[in-house]
Amino acid sequence: PYSDRMVISARAAHHQGSAAYFLARLAAAVGDHRAADELYGNAAQRDERAGAAIWVVRDQWRHAELLLAARGGRDRAQQLLERAYEGANACGLERILARIAAQRPRANASSTLPTSVS
């Protein structure tokens, strides 16, 4: 019931993004991939509307991981990884860039993601 909320500390000093992201992680952990798929999409939309670019990268990256694990969404996973990579690059998230690039072989051998971060 709280997927439409944002996770913020009591004094609004800390923001963790959309609650839908955490619910997606929970759904994935219990094997409800359909619900997790929908929740990850919702989380990315909410975080984008909030201007939380770093959390959008996280949402897209983890969504791609779910799709790769489910072994049915390689095309969507590749698209999400591409967007997450672009967002991480724009935000200067070097560690995340490397982790996303490491998933390239799982997504698709013809991906345009670089295999290493320079």
Protein backbone atom coordinates (compact mmCIF):
# COMPACT_ATOMS: atom_id res chain seq x y z
CA PRO A 1 0.00 0.00 0.00
CA TYR A 2 2.99 2.38 0.31
CA SER A 3 4.54 1.95 -3.13
CA ASP A 4 3.54 5.50 -4.02
CA ARG A 5 5.61 6.99 -1.18
CA MET A 6 9.18 8.18 -0.94
CA VAL A 7 11.57 6.99 1.78
CA ILE A 8 12.77 10.05 3.70
CA SER A 9 14.22 10.37 7.20
CA ALA A 10 12.06 11.90 9.91
CA ARG A 11 13.78 15.27 9.54
CA ALA A 12 13.96 15.07 5.75
CA ALA A 13 17.75 15.10 5.88
CA HIS A 14 18.12 11.82 4.03
CA HIS A 15 16.32 10.51 0.94
CA GLN A 16 16.40 6.87 -0.23
CA GLY A 17 14.08 7.15 -3.22
CA SER A 18 10.79 5.46 -3.93
CA ALA A 19 9.36 2.90 -1.54
CA ALA A 20 8.43 0.92 -4.66
CA TYR A 21 12.12 0.06 -5.09
CA PHE A 22 12.29 -1.64 -1.70
CA LEU A 23 8.98 -3.41 -2.32
CA ALA A 24 10.35 -4.61 -5.67
CA ARG A 25 13.41 -6.05 -3.92
CA LEU A 26 11.13 -7.82 -1.47
CA ALA A 27 8.90 -9.18 -4.25
CA ALA A 28 11.96 -10.45 -6.12
CA ALA A 29 13.31 -12.08 -2.96
CA VAL A 30 10.12 -14.09 -2.50
CA GLY A 31 9.98 -15.01 -6.18
CA ASP A 32 7.13 -12.76 -7.33
CA HIS A 33 8.92 -11.55 -10.46
CA ARG A 34 5.78 -10.12 -12.03
CA ALA A 35 5.16 -7.81 -9.06
CA ALA A 36 8.87 -6.94 -8.84
CA ASP A 37 8.92 -6.05 -12.55
CA GLU A 38 6.01 -3.65 -12.13
CA LEU A 39 7.36 -2.14 -8.91
CA TYR A 40 10.82 -1.49 -10.35
CA GLY A 41 9.20 0.36 -13.25
CA ASN A 42 7.10 2.42 -10.83
CA ALA A 43 10.14 3.20 -8.69
CA ALA A 44 12.12 4.52 -11.67
CA GLN A 45 9.21 6.71 -12.74
CA ARG A 46 8.72 8.15 -9.27
CA ASP A 47 12.41 8.76 -8.72
CA GLU A 48 12.70 10.43 -12.11
CA ARG A 49 9.78 12.74 -11.29
CA ALA A 50 11.49 13.56 -7.99
CA GLY A 51 14.70 14.49 -9.81
CA ALA A 52 16.60 11.72 -8.01
CA ALA A 53 18.91 10.69 -10.87
CA ILE A 54 21.10 8.44 -8.72
CA TRP A 55 18.09 6.45 -7.53
CA VAL A 56 16.82 6.13 -11.10
CA VAL A 57 20.14 4.50 -12.01
CA ARG A 58 19.74 2.11 -9.07
CA ASP A 59 16.15 1.28 -10.05
CA GLN A 60 17.03 0.56 -13.68
CA TRP A 61 20.11 -1.45 -12.82
CA ARG A 62 18.33 -3.68 -10.31
CA HIS A 63 15.35 -4.03 -12.66
CA ALA A 64 17.72 -5.28 -15.36
CA GLU A 65 19.19 -7.78 -12.89
CA LEU A 66 15.70 -9.10 -12.18
CA LEU A 67 14.95 -9.51 -15.88
CA LEU A 68 18.25 -11.31 -16.47
CA ALA A 69 17.58 -13.67 -13.56
CA ALA A 70 14.08 -14.38 -14.85
CA ARG A 71 15.61 -15.38 -18.21
CA GLY A 72 12.89 -13.89 -20.30
CA GLY A 73 13.60 -10.24 -20.65
CA ARG A 74 17.06 -9.91 -22.15
CA ASP A 75 16.04 -7.16 -24.58
CA ARG A 76 14.40 -5.10 -21.85
CA ALA A 77 17.32 -5.83 -19.51
CA GLN A 78 19.76 -4.60 -22.14
CA GLN A 79 17.76 -1.38 -22.60
CA LEU A 80 17.62 -0.80 -18.85
CA LEU A 81 21.36 -1.44 -18.48
CA GLU A 82 22.05 1.03 -21.29
CA ARG A 83 19.94 3.72 -19.59
CA ALA A 84 21.43 2.94 -16.18
CA TYR A 85 24.94 3.15 -17.64
CA GLU A 86 24.21 6.50 -19.26
CA GLY A 87 22.72 7.82 -16.01
CA ALA A 88 25.63 6.54 -13.92
CA ASN A 89 28.07 8.13 -16.36
CA ALA A 90 26.23 11.46 -16.18
CA CYS A 91 26.30 11.33 -12.36
CA GLY A 92 29.95 10.25 -12.18
CA LEU A 93 29.19 6.94 -10.44
CA GLU A 94 32.40 5.09 -11.33
CA ARG A 95 31.80 1.98 -9.21
CA ILE A 96 28.30 1.56 -10.56
CA LEU A 97 29.58 2.03 -14.12
CA ALA A 98 31.97 -0.87 -13.60
CA ARG A 99 29.29 -3.08 -12.08
CA ILE A 100 26.83 -2.35 -14.88
CA ALA A 101 29.50 -2.97 -17.52
CA ALA A 102 30.29 -6.32 -15.87
CA GLN A 103 26.72 -7.42 -16.56
CA ARG A 104 27.16 -6.89 -20.28
CA PRO A 105 27.88 -10.54 -21.15
CA ARG A 106 24.68 -11.64 -19.43
CA ALA A 107 22.52 -9.07 -21.20
CA ASN A 108 23.65 -9.54 -24.78
CA ALA A 109 26.92 -10.06 -26.60
CA SER A 110 26.05 -7.25 -29.03
CA SER A 111 25.47 -4.64 -26.32
CA THR A 112 27.06 -1.24 -26.78
CA LEU A 113 28.09 -1.00 -23.13
CA PRO A 114 31.85 -0.83 -22.72
CA THR A 115 33.44 -3.79 -20.98
CA SER A 116 35.64 -1.57 -18.81
CA VAL A 117 35.56 1.89 -17.35
CA SER A 118 38.39 4.22 -18.29
